[in-house]
């Protein structure tokens, strides 16, 4: 479930970073070339989160959690856009924790 939430958060962050309005705030002023790549990565990560739902032992419960996390994490991103530096750091922390939890979970 943590990998699901991490990939969903990072996917929504990448989709927000891919918007022309938010690209300078999230990726820096000279990063408009990354916007199309950020959108592709964002959709890919949303697909990964749905794959986590499909592979969960109780996929119905995981799907319910996914539908609950989409607006909750969207609200966190929306409120965090005011503090773009904080939001970028949070995305980096979530990426590291998601990979760590995914790796540790795969070992057990």
PDB file of N, CA and C in Angstrom:
ATOM      1  N   UNK A   1       0.808  -1.192   0.000  1.00  0.00           N
ATOM      2  CA  UNK A   1       0.000   0.000   0.000  1.00  0.00           C
ATOM      3  C   UNK A   1       0.856   1.264   0.000  1.00  0.00           C
ATOM      4  N   UNK A   2       2.019   1.189   0.633  1.00  0.00           N
ATOM      5  CA  UNK A   2       2.894   2.362   0.657  1.00  0.00           C
ATOM      6  C   UNK A   2       3.452   2.625  -0.731  1.00  0.00           C
ATOM      7  N   UNK A   3       3.782   1.575  -1.453  1.00  0.00           N
ATOM      8  CA  UNK A   3       4.259   1.734  -2.821  1.00  0.00           C
ATOM      9  C   UNK A   3       3.160   2.313  -3.705  1.00  0.00           C
ATOM     10  N   UNK A   4       1.917   1.924  -3.469  1.00  0.00           N
ATOM     11  CA  UNK A   4       0.784   2.476  -4.199  1.00  0.00           C
ATOM     12  C   UNK A   4       0.675   3.975  -3.950  1.00  0.00           C
ATOM     13  N   UNK A   5       0.732   4.379  -2.687  1.00  0.00           N
ATOM     14  CA  UNK A   5       0.609   5.802  -2.343  1.00  0.00           C
ATOM     15  C   UNK A   5       1.794   6.605  -2.875  1.00  0.00           C
ATOM     16  N   UNK A   6       2.986   6.030  -2.797  1.00  0.00           N
ATOM     17  CA  UNK A   6       4.173   6.751  -3.280  1.00  0.00           C
ATOM     18  C   UNK A   6       4.116   6.955  -4.785  1.00  0.00           C
ATOM     19  N   UNK A   7       3.753   5.912  -5.533  1.00  0.00           N
ATOM     20  CA  UNK A   7       3.696   6.063  -6.990  1.00  0.00           C
ATOM     21  C   UNK A   7       2.557   6.987  -7.404  1.00  0.00           C
ATOM     22  N   UNK A   8       1.463   6.970  -6.672  1.00  0.00           N
ATOM     23  CA  UNK A   8       0.350   7.866  -6.973  1.00  0.00           C
ATOM     24  C   UNK A   8       0.740   9.321  -6.705  1.00  0.00           C
ATOM     25  N   UNK A   9       1.399   9.581  -5.581  1.00  0.00           N
ATOM     26  CA  UNK A   9       1.831  10.939  -5.255  1.00  0.00           C
ATOM     27  C   UNK A   9       2.836  11.448  -6.282  1.00  0.00           C
ATOM     28  N   UNK A  10       3.813  10.625  -6.625  1.00  0.00           N
ATOM     29  CA  UNK A  10       4.816  11.041  -7.600  1.00  0.00           C
ATOM     30  C   UNK A  10       4.205  11.221  -8.989  1.00  0.00           C
ATOM     31  N   UNK A  11       3.223  10.414  -9.331  1.00  0.00           N
ATOM     32  CA  UNK A  11       2.538  10.578 -10.609  1.00  0.00           C
ATOM     33  C   UNK A  11       1.780  11.890 -10.683  1.00  0.00           C
ATOM     34  N   UNK A  12       1.062  12.209  -9.610  1.00  0.00           N
ATOM     35  CA  UNK A  12       0.348  13.479  -9.580  1.00  0.00           C
ATOM     36  C   UNK A  12       1.310  14.663  -9.569  1.00  0.00           C
ATOM     37  N   UNK A  13       2.443  14.516  -8.872  1.00  0.00           N
ATOM     38  CA  UNK A  13       3.457  15.570  -8.861  1.00  0.00           C
ATOM     39  C   UNK A  13       4.021  15.775 -10.263  1.00  0.00           C
ATOM     40  N   UNK A  14       4.311  14.686 -10.972  1.00  0.00           N
ATOM     41  CA  UNK A  14       4.857  14.806 -12.320  1.00  0.00           C
ATOM     42  C   UNK A  14       3.838  15.402 -13.279  1.00  0.00           C
ATOM     43  N   UNK A  15       2.567  15.062 -13.125  1.00  0.00           N
ATOM     44  CA  UNK A  15       1.541  15.671 -13.965  1.00  0.00           C
ATOM     45  C   UNK A  15       1.431  17.165 -13.689  1.00  0.00           C
ATOM     46  N   UNK A  16       1.522  17.553 -12.430  1.00  0.00           N
ATOM     47  CA  UNK A  16       1.490  18.983 -12.104  1.00  0.00           C
ATOM     48  C   UNK A  16       2.729  19.685 -12.646  1.00  0.00           C
ATOM     49  N   UNK A  17       3.878  19.026 -12.568  1.00  0.00           N
ATOM     50  CA  UNK A  17       5.111  19.619 -13.086  1.00  0.00           C
ATOM     51  C   UNK A  17       5.081  19.714 -14.598  1.00  0.00           C
ATOM     52  N   UNK A  18       4.290  18.892 -15.247  1.00  0.00           N
ATOM     53  CA  UNK A  18       4.178  18.932 -16.695  1.00  0.00           C
ATOM     54  C   UNK A  18       3.284  20.038 -17.214  1.00  0.00           C
ATOM     55  N   UNK A  19       2.529  20.672 -16.334  1.00  0.00           N
ATOM     56  CA  UNK A  19       1.672  21.789 -16.756  1.00  0.00           C
ATOM     57  C   UNK A  19       2.524  23.034 -16.928  1.00  0.00           C
ATOM     58  N   UNK A  20       2.259  23.778 -17.992  1.00  0.00           N
ATOM     59  CA  UNK A  20       3.075  24.959 -18.283  1.00  0.00           C
ATOM     60  C   UNK A  20       3.014  25.984 -17.157  1.00  0.00           C
ATOM     61  N   UNK A  21       1.926  26.018 -16.441  1.00  0.00           N
ATOM     62  CA  UNK A  21       1.780  26.986 -15.354  1.00  0.00           C
ATOM     63  C   UNK A  21       2.668  26.646 -14.154  1.00  0.00           C
ATOM     64  N   UNK A  22       2.856  25.360 -13.891  1.00  0.00           N
ATOM     65  CA  UNK A  22       3.583  24.942 -12.691  1.00  0.00           C
ATOM     66  C   UNK A  22       5.026  24.527 -12.960  1.00  0.00           C
ATOM     67  N   UNK A  23       5.406  24.365 -14.215  1.00  0.00           N
ATOM     68  CA  UNK A  23       6.761  23.906 -14.536  1.00  0.00           C
ATOM     69  C   UNK A  23       7.848  24.795 -13.961  1.00  0.00           C
ATOM     70  N   UNK A  24       7.780  26.128 -14.120  1.00  0.00           N
ATOM     71  CA  UNK A  24       8.861  26.954 -13.552  1.00  0.00           C
ATOM     72  C   UNK A  24       8.958  26.853 -12.031  1.00  0.00           C
ATOM     73  N   UNK A  25       7.829  26.718 -11.363  1.00  0.00           N
ATOM     74  CA  UNK A  25       7.855  26.659  -9.902  1.00  0.00           C
ATOM     75  C   UNK A  25       8.397  25.331  -9.391  1.00  0.00           C
ATOM     76  N   UNK A  26       8.094  24.244 -10.090  1.00  0.00           N
ATOM     77  CA  UNK A  26       8.474  22.923  -9.588  1.00  0.00           C
ATOM     78  C   UNK A  26       9.790  22.406 -10.152  1.00  0.00           C
ATOM     79  N   UNK A  27      10.080  22.717 -11.411  1.00  0.00           N
ATOM     80  CA  UNK A  27      11.282  22.179 -12.042  1.00  0.00           C
ATOM     81  C   UNK A  27      12.346  23.224 -12.308  1.00  0.00           C
ATOM     82  N   UNK A  28      12.060  24.484 -12.076  1.00  0.00           N
ATOM     83  CA  UNK A  28      13.025  25.541 -12.315  1.00  0.00           C
ATOM     84  C   UNK A  28      12.650  26.353 -13.538  1.00  0.00           C
ATOM     85  N   UNK A  29      13.165  27.563 -13.633  1.00  0.00           N
ATOM     86  CA  UNK A  29      12.761  28.451 -14.729  1.00  0.00           C
ATOM     87  C   UNK A  29      13.253  28.001 -16.103  1.00  0.00           C
ATOM     88  N   UNK A  30      14.346  27.291 -16.196  1.00  0.00           N
ATOM     89  CA  UNK A  30      14.865  26.872 -17.496  1.00  0.00           C
ATOM     90  C   UNK A  30      14.516  25.416 -17.800  1.00  0.00           C
ATOM     91  N   UNK A  31      13.382  24.935 -17.356  1.00  0.00           N
ATOM     92  CA  UNK A  31      13.032  23.530 -17.559  1.00  0.00           C
ATOM     93  C   UNK A  31      11.751  23.314 -18.351  1.00  0.00           C
ATOM     94  N   UNK A  32      11.349  24.196 -19.274  1.00  0.00           N
ATOM     95  CA  UNK A  32      10.117  23.896 -20.022  1.00  0.00           C
ATOM     96  C   UNK A  32      10.271  22.700 -20.953  1.00  0.00           C
ATOM     97  N   UNK A  33      11.494  22.345 -21.306  1.00  0.00           N
ATOM     98  CA  UNK A  33      11.702  21.171 -22.162  1.00  0.00           C
ATOM     99  C   UNK A  33      11.359  19.879 -21.423  1.00  0.00           C
ATOM    100  N   UNK A  34      11.410  19.911 -20.103  1.00  0.00           N
ATOM    101  CA  UNK A  34      11.093  18.712 -19.311  1.00  0.00           C
ATOM    102  C   UNK A  34       9.596  18.497 -19.128  1.00  0.00           C
ATOM    103  N   UNK A  35       8.784  19.468 -19.518  1.00  0.00           N
ATOM    104  CA  UNK A  35       7.350  19.393 -19.248  1.00  0.00           C
ATOM    105  C   UNK A  35       6.705  18.191 -19.930  1.00  0.00           C
ATOM    106  N   UNK A  36       7.027  17.936 -21.190  1.00  0.00           N
ATOM    107  CA  UNK A  36       6.399  16.800 -21.867  1.00  0.00           C
ATOM    108  C   UNK A  36       6.876  15.475 -21.276  1.00  0.00           C
ATOM    109  N   UNK A  37       8.136  15.417 -20.872  1.00  0.00           N
ATOM    110  CA  UNK A  37       8.638  14.201 -20.233  1.00  0.00           C
ATOM    111  C   UNK A  37       7.988  14.001 -18.870  1.00  0.00           C
ATOM    112  N   UNK A  38       7.760  15.092 -18.165  1.00  0.00           N
ATOM    113  CA  UNK A  38       7.119  14.987 -16.850  1.00  0.00           C
ATOM    114  C   UNK A  38       5.701  14.457 -16.992  1.00  0.00           C
ATOM    115  N   UNK A  39       4.992  14.890 -18.017  1.00  0.00           N
ATOM    116  CA  UNK A  39       3.631  14.369 -18.235  1.00  0.00           C
ATOM    117  C   UNK A  39       3.657  12.872 -18.531  1.00  0.00           C
ATOM    118  N   UNK A  40       4.584  12.434 -19.352  1.00  0.00           N
ATOM    119  CA  UNK A  40       4.674  11.011 -19.674  1.00  0.00           C
ATOM    120  C   UNK A  40       5.039  10.188 -18.445  1.00  0.00           C
ATOM    121  N   UNK A  41       5.973  10.699 -17.660  1.00  0.00           N
ATOM    122  CA  UNK A  41       6.357  10.007 -16.426  1.00  0.00           C
ATOM    123  C   UNK A  41       5.189   9.966 -15.455  1.00  0.00           C
ATOM    124  N   UNK A  42       4.446  11.054 -15.374  1.00  0.00           N
ATOM    125  CA  UNK A  42       3.286  11.106 -14.480  1.00  0.00           C
ATOM    126  C   UNK A  42       2.240  10.071 -14.826  1.00  0.00           C
ATOM    127  N   UNK A  43       1.888   9.970 -16.117  1.00  0.00           N
ATOM    128  CA  UNK A  43       0.911   8.955 -16.524  1.00  0.00           C
ATOM    129  C   UNK A  43       1.444   7.555 -16.296  1.00  0.00           C
ATOM    130  N   UNK A  44       2.747   7.366 -16.513  1.00  0.00           N
ATOM    131  CA  UNK A  44       3.352   6.059 -16.253  1.00  0.00           C
ATOM    132  C   UNK A  44       3.273   5.680 -14.781  1.00  0.00           C
ATOM    133  N   UNK A  45       3.529   6.648 -13.908  1.00  0.00           N
ATOM    134  CA  UNK A  45       3.463   6.362 -12.473  1.00  0.00           C
ATOM    135  C   UNK A  45       2.030   6.112 -12.009  1.00  0.00           C
ATOM    136  N   UNK A  46       1.069   6.781 -12.621  1.00  0.00           N
ATOM    137  CA  UNK A  46      -0.323   6.476 -12.294  1.00  0.00           C
ATOM    138  C   UNK A  46      -0.668   5.052 -12.730  1.00  0.00           C
ATOM    139  N   UNK A  47      -0.110   4.618 -13.855  1.00  0.00           N
ATOM    140  CA  UNK A  47      -0.287   3.233 -14.285  1.00  0.00           C
ATOM    141  C   UNK A  47       0.359   2.249 -13.329  1.00  0.00           C
ATOM    142  N   UNK A  48       1.534   2.627 -12.795  1.00  0.00           N
ATOM    143  CA  UNK A  48       2.206   1.771 -11.804  1.00  0.00           C
ATOM    144  C   UNK A  48       1.350   1.656 -10.549  1.00  0.00           C
ATOM    145  N   UNK A  49       0.736   2.760 -10.139  1.00  0.00           N
ATOM    146  CA  UNK A  49      -0.111   2.689  -8.945  1.00  0.00           C
ATOM    147  C   UNK A  49      -1.317   1.784  -9.183  1.00  0.00           C
ATOM    148  N   UNK A  50      -1.884   1.822 -10.381  1.00  0.00           N
ATOM    149  CA  UNK A  50      -2.987   0.906 -10.686  1.00  0.00           C
ATOM    150  C   UNK A  50      -2.509  -0.539 -10.784  1.00  0.00           C
ATOM    151  N   UNK A  51      -1.280  -0.732 -11.225  1.00  0.00           N
ATOM    152  CA  UNK A  51      -0.703  -2.076 -11.241  1.00  0.00           C
ATOM    153  C   UNK A  51      -0.537  -2.598  -9.816  1.00  0.00           C
ATOM    154  N   UNK A  52      -0.149  -1.715  -8.905  1.00  0.00           N
ATOM    155  CA  UNK A  52      -0.065  -2.114  -7.484  1.00  0.00           C
ATOM    156  C   UNK A  52      -1.428  -2.537  -6.960  1.00  0.00           C
ATOM    157  N   UNK A  53      -2.480  -1.852  -7.419  1.00  0.00           N
ATOM    158  CA  UNK A  53      -3.839  -2.233  -7.025  1.00  0.00           C
ATOM    159  C   UNK A  53      -4.173  -3.621  -7.567  1.00  0.00           C
ATOM    160  N   UNK A  54      -3.837  -3.861  -8.823  1.00  0.00           N
ATOM    161  CA  UNK A  54      -4.171  -5.146  -9.445  1.00  0.00           C
ATOM    162  C   UNK A  54      -3.420  -6.306  -8.808  1.00  0.00           C
ATOM    163  N   UNK A  55      -2.207  -6.042  -8.325  1.00  0.00           N
ATOM    164  CA  UNK A  55      -1.398  -7.113  -7.744  1.00  0.00           C
ATOM    165  C   UNK A  55      -1.615  -7.288  -6.243  1.00  0.00           C
ATOM    166  N   UNK A  56      -2.419  -6.430  -5.637  1.00  0.00           N
ATOM    167  CA  UNK A  56      -2.669  -6.538  -4.200  1.00  0.00           C
ATOM    168  C   UNK A  56      -3.496  -7.795  -3.916  1.00  0.00           C
ATOM    169  N   UNK A  57      -3.252  -8.440  -2.768  1.00  0.00           N
ATOM    170  CA  UNK A  57      -4.024  -9.644  -2.443  1.00  0.00           C
ATOM    171  C   UNK A  57      -5.521  -9.363  -2.315  1.00  0.00           C
ATOM    172  N   UNK A  58      -5.864  -8.225  -1.771  1.00  0.00           N
ATOM    173  CA  UNK A  58      -7.262  -7.828  -1.640  1.00  0.00           C
ATOM    174  C   UNK A  58      -7.465  -6.624  -2.550  1.00  0.00           C
ATOM    175  N   UNK A  59      -7.622  -6.874  -3.856  1.00  0.00           N
ATOM    176  CA  UNK A  59      -7.597  -5.788  -4.830  1.00  0.00           C
ATOM    177  C   UNK A  59      -8.802  -4.866  -4.713  1.00  0.00           C
ATOM    178  N   UNK A  60      -9.923  -5.347  -4.215  1.00  0.00           N
ATOM    179  CA  UNK A  60     -11.101  -4.492  -4.032  1.00  0.00           C
ATOM    180  C   UNK A  60     -10.841  -3.413  -2.986  1.00  0.00           C
ATOM    181  N   UNK A  61     -10.227  -3.818  -1.898  1.00  0.00           N
ATOM    182  CA  UNK A  61      -9.870  -2.875  -0.839  1.00  0.00           C
ATOM    183  C   UNK A  61      -8.798  -1.904  -1.332  1.00  0.00           C
ATOM    184  N   UNK A  62      -7.839  -2.416  -2.100  1.00  0.00           N
ATOM    185  CA  UNK A  62      -6.780  -1.557  -2.643  1.00  0.00           C
ATOM    186  C   UNK A  62      -7.349  -0.539  -3.626  1.00  0.00           C
ATOM    187  N   UNK A  63      -8.341  -0.942  -4.418  1.00  0.00           N
ATOM    188  CA  UNK A  63      -8.969  -0.007  -5.344  1.00  0.00           C
ATOM    189  C   UNK A  63      -9.729   1.085  -4.593  1.00  0.00           C
ATOM    190  N   UNK A  64     -10.368   0.711  -3.512  1.00  0.00           N
ATOM    191  CA  UNK A  64     -11.048   1.689  -2.674  1.00  0.00           C
ATOM    192  C   UNK A  64     -10.053   2.685  -2.091  1.00  0.00           C
ATOM    193  N   UNK A  65      -8.917   2.189  -1.637  1.00  0.00           N
ATOM    194  CA  UNK A  65      -7.874   3.069  -1.116  1.00  0.00           C
ATOM    195  C   UNK A  65      -7.345   3.979  -2.220  1.00  0.00           C
ATOM    196  N   UNK A  66      -7.170   3.451  -3.428  1.00  0.00           N
ATOM    197  CA  UNK A  66      -6.671   4.250  -4.547  1.00  0.00           C
ATOM    198  C   UNK A  66      -7.626   5.411  -4.845  1.00  0.00           C
ATOM    199  N   UNK A  67      -8.941   5.102  -4.896  1.00  0.00           N
ATOM    200  CA  UNK A  67      -9.917   6.150  -5.171  1.00  0.00           C
ATOM    201  C   UNK A  67      -9.998   7.160  -4.028  1.00  0.00           C
ATOM    202  N   UNK A  68      -9.660   6.769  -2.826  1.00  0.00           N
ATOM    203  CA  UNK A  68      -9.616   7.718  -1.718  1.00  0.00           C
ATOM    204  C   UNK A  68      -8.351   8.552  -1.701  1.00  0.00           C
ATOM    205  N   UNK A  69      -7.247   7.953  -2.154  1.00  0.00           N
ATOM    206  CA  UNK A  69      -5.977   8.675  -2.147  1.00  0.00           C
ATOM    207  C   UNK A  69      -5.861   9.699  -3.264  1.00  0.00           C
ATOM    208  N   UNK A  70      -6.534   9.488  -4.385  1.00  0.00           N
ATOM    209  CA  UNK A  70      -6.422  10.434  -5.504  1.00  0.00           C
ATOM    210  C   UNK A  70      -6.833  11.841  -5.071  1.00  0.00           C
ATOM    211  N   UNK A  71      -8.015  12.061  -4.499  1.00  0.00           N
ATOM    212  CA  UNK A  71      -8.334  13.438  -4.095  1.00  0.00           C
ATOM    213  C   UNK A  71      -7.514  13.918  -2.897  1.00  0.00           C
ATOM    214  N   UNK A  72      -7.172  13.006  -1.983  1.00  0.00           N
ATOM    215  CA  UNK A  72      -6.398  13.426  -0.807  1.00  0.00           C
ATOM    216  C   UNK A  72      -4.998  13.903  -1.214  1.00  0.00           C
ATOM    217  N   UNK A  73      -4.320  13.128  -2.049  1.00  0.00           N
ATOM    218  CA  UNK A  73      -2.983  13.530  -2.485  1.00  0.00           C
ATOM    219  C   UNK A  73      -3.048  14.709  -3.446  1.00  0.00           C
ATOM    220  N   UNK A  74      -4.119  14.804  -4.222  1.00  0.00           N
ATOM    221  CA  UNK A  74      -4.311  15.980  -5.069  1.00  0.00           C
ATOM    222  C   UNK A  74      -4.453  17.239  -4.233  1.00  0.00           C
ATOM    223  N   UNK A  75      -5.162  17.133  -3.119  1.00  0.00           N
ATOM    224  CA  UNK A  75      -5.301  18.295  -2.232  1.00  0.00           C
ATOM    225  C   UNK A  75      -3.967  18.660  -1.598  1.00  0.00           C
ATOM    226  N   UNK A  76      -3.171  17.676  -1.218  1.00  0.00           N
ATOM    227  CA  UNK A  76      -1.845  17.957  -0.662  1.00  0.00           C
ATOM    228  C   UNK A  76      -0.989  18.672  -1.692  1.00  0.00           C
ATOM    229  N   UNK A  77      -1.036  18.225  -2.931  1.00  0.00           N
ATOM    230  CA  UNK A  77      -0.268  18.885  -3.985  1.00  0.00           C
ATOM    231  C   UNK A  77      -0.788  20.287  -4.254  1.00  0.00           C
ATOM    232  N   UNK A  78      -2.101  20.450  -4.271  1.00  0.00           N
ATOM    233  CA  UNK A  78      -2.685  21.762  -4.517  1.00  0.00           C
ATOM    234  C   UNK A  78      -2.284  22.755  -3.437  1.00  0.00           C
ATOM    235  N   UNK A  79      -2.367  22.342  -2.202  1.00  0.00           N
ATOM    236  CA  UNK A  79      -1.970  23.232  -1.106  1.00  0.00           C
ATOM    237  C   UNK A  79      -0.460  23.434  -1.070  1.00  0.00           C
ATOM    238  N   UNK A  80       0.291  22.427  -1.494  1.00  0.00           N
ATOM    239  CA  UNK A  80       1.741  22.529  -1.491  1.00  0.00           C
ATOM    240  C   UNK A  80       2.305  23.367  -2.617  1.00  0.00           C
ATOM    241  N   UNK A  81       1.504  23.641  -3.652  1.00  0.00           N
ATOM    242  CA  UNK A  81       1.997  24.471  -4.747  1.00  0.00           C
ATOM    243  C   UNK A  81       2.326  25.887  -4.277  1.00  0.00           C
ATOM    244  N   UNK A  82       1.769  26.292  -3.167  1.00  0.00           N
ATOM    245  CA  UNK A  82       2.103  27.594  -2.605  1.00  0.00           C
ATOM    246  C   UNK A  82       3.533  27.603  -2.101  1.00  0.00           C
ATOM    247  N   UNK A  83       3.982  26.469  -1.646  1.00  0.00           N
ATOM    248  CA  UNK A  83       5.345  26.330  -1.142  1.00  0.00           C
ATOM    249  C   UNK A  83       6.084  25.341  -2.038  1.00  0.00           C
ATOM    250  N   UNK A  84       6.461  25.796  -3.215  1.00  0.00           N
ATOM    251  CA  UNK A  84       7.021  24.895  -4.229  1.00  0.00           C
ATOM    252  C   UNK A  84       8.307  24.223  -3.761  1.00  0.00           C
ATOM    253  N   UNK A  85       9.128  24.930  -2.980  1.00  0.00           N
ATOM    254  CA  UNK A  85      10.374  24.320  -2.501  1.00  0.00           C
ATOM    255  C   UNK A  85      10.066  23.136  -1.579  1.00  0.00           C
ATOM    256  N   UNK A  86       9.077  23.285  -0.730  1.00  0.00           N
ATOM    257  CA  UNK A  86       8.685  22.199   0.162  1.00  0.00           C
ATOM    258  C   UNK A  86       8.135  21.024  -0.625  1.00  0.00           C
ATOM    259  N   UNK A  87       7.346  21.323  -1.655  1.00  0.00           N
ATOM    260  CA  UNK A  87       6.718  20.270  -2.434  1.00  0.00           C
ATOM    261  C   UNK A  87       7.748  19.452  -3.210  1.00  0.00           C
ATOM    262  N   UNK A  88       8.766  20.118  -3.733  1.00  0.00           N
ATOM    263  CA  UNK A  88       9.811  19.412  -4.468  1.00  0.00           C
ATOM    264  C   UNK A  88      10.613  18.512  -3.534  1.00  0.00           C
ATOM    265  N   UNK A  89      10.915  19.003  -2.350  1.00  0.00           N
ATOM    266  CA  UNK A  89      11.631  18.173  -1.364  1.00  0.00           C
ATOM    267  C   UNK A  89      10.784  16.985  -0.928  1.00  0.00           C
ATOM    268  N   UNK A  90       9.498  17.206  -0.752  1.00  0.00           N
ATOM    269  CA  UNK A  90       8.610  16.113  -0.353  1.00  0.00           C
ATOM    270  C   UNK A  90       8.544  15.045  -1.434  1.00  0.00           C
ATOM    271  N   UNK A  91       8.549  15.456  -2.691  1.00  0.00           N
ATOM    272  CA  UNK A  91       8.532  14.475  -3.785  1.00  0.00           C
ATOM    273  C   UNK A  91       9.806  13.646  -3.782  1.00  0.00           C
ATOM    274  N   UNK A  92      10.937  14.276  -3.487  1.00  0.00           N
ATOM    275  CA  UNK A  92      12.196  13.531  -3.429  1.00  0.00           C
ATOM    276  C   UNK A  92      12.183  12.528  -2.279  1.00  0.00           C
ATOM    277  N   UNK A  93      11.666  12.933  -1.130  1.00  0.00           N
ATOM    278  CA  UNK A  93      11.592  12.031   0.028  1.00  0.00           C
ATOM    279  C   UNK A  93      10.650  10.868  -0.262  1.00  0.00           C
ATOM    280  N   UNK A  94       9.506  11.146  -0.881  1.00  0.00           N
ATOM    281  CA  UNK A  94       8.550  10.090  -1.210  1.00  0.00           C
ATOM    282  C   UNK A  94       9.151   9.114  -2.210  1.00  0.00           C
ATOM    283  N   UNK A  95       9.921   9.628  -3.173  1.00  0.00           N
ATOM    284  CA  UNK A  95      10.561   8.737  -4.150  1.00  0.00           C
ATOM    285  C   UNK A  95      11.539   7.792  -3.471  1.00  0.00           C
ATOM    286  N   UNK A  96      12.353   8.317  -2.580  1.00  0.00           N
ATOM    287  CA  UNK A  96      13.329   7.479  -1.882  1.00  0.00           C
ATOM    288  C   UNK A  96      12.632   6.460  -0.986  1.00  0.00           C
ATOM    289  N   UNK A  97      11.627   6.894  -0.237  1.00  0.00           N
ATOM    290  CA  UNK A  97      10.909   5.974   0.640  1.00  0.00           C
ATOM    291  C   UNK A  97      10.128   4.925  -0.155  1.00  0.00           C
ATOM    292  N   UNK A  98       9.531   5.324  -1.273  1.00  0.00           N
ATOM    293  CA  UNK A  98       8.805   4.367  -2.101  1.00  0.00           C
ATOM    294  C   UNK A  98       9.694   3.287  -2.651  1.00  0.00           C
ATOM    295  N   UNK A  99      10.874   3.671  -3.119  1.00  0.00           N
ATOM    296  CA  UNK A  99      11.817   2.674  -3.636  1.00  0.00           C
ATOM    297  C   UNK A  99      12.312   1.774  -2.512  1.00  0.00           C
ATOM    298  N   UNK A 100      12.604   2.362  -1.351  1.00  0.00           N
ATOM    299  CA  UNK A 100      13.091   1.566  -0.220  1.00  0.00           C
ATOM    300  C   UNK A 100      12.038   0.571   0.257  1.00  0.00           C
ATOM    301  N   UNK A 101      10.822   1.042   0.413  1.00  0.00           N
ATOM    302  CA  UNK A 101       9.747   0.154   0.870  1.00  0.00           C
ATOM    303  C   UNK A 101       9.449  -0.916  -0.173  1.00  0.00           C
ATOM    304  N   UNK A 102       9.460  -0.540  -1.449  1.00  0.00           N
ATOM    305  CA  UNK A 102       9.239  -1.517  -2.508  1.00  0.00           C
ATOM    306  C   UNK A 102      10.311  -2.581  -2.542  1.00  0.00           C
ATOM    307  N   UNK A 103      11.552  -2.177  -2.309  1.00  0.00           N
ATOM    308  CA  UNK A 103      12.668  -3.123  -2.301  1.00  0.00           C
ATOM    309  C   UNK A 103      12.597  -4.044  -1.085  1.00  0.00           C
ATOM    310  N   UNK A 104      12.328  -3.463   0.057  1.00  0.00           N
ATOM    311  CA  UNK A 104      12.250  -4.279   1.279  1.00  0.00           C
ATOM    312  C   UNK A 104      11.047  -5.226   1.207  1.00  0.00           C
ATOM    313  N   UNK A 105       9.929  -4.724   0.684  1.00  0.00           N
ATOM    314  CA  UNK A 105       8.745  -5.574   0.551  1.00  0.00           C
ATOM    315  C   UNK A 105       8.957  -6.717  -0.424  1.00  0.00           C
ATOM    316  N   UNK A 106       9.756  -6.497  -1.462  1.00  0.00           N
ATOM    317  CA  UNK A 106      10.004  -7.559  -2.433  1.00  0.00           C
ATOM    318  C   UNK A 106      10.905  -8.644  -1.865  1.00  0.00           C
ATOM    319  N   UNK A 107      11.732  -8.284  -0.874  1.00  0.00           N
ATOM    320  CA  UNK A 107      12.626  -9.266  -0.283  1.00  0.00           C
ATOM    321  C   UNK A 107      11.904 -10.219   0.646  1.00  0.00           C
ATOM    322  N   UNK A 108      10.785  -9.789   1.223  1.00  0.00           N
ATOM    323  CA  UNK A 108      10.090 -10.636   2.197  1.00  0.00           C
ATOM    324  C   UNK A 108       8.904 -11.245   1.589  1.00  0.00           C
TER     325      UNK A 108
END
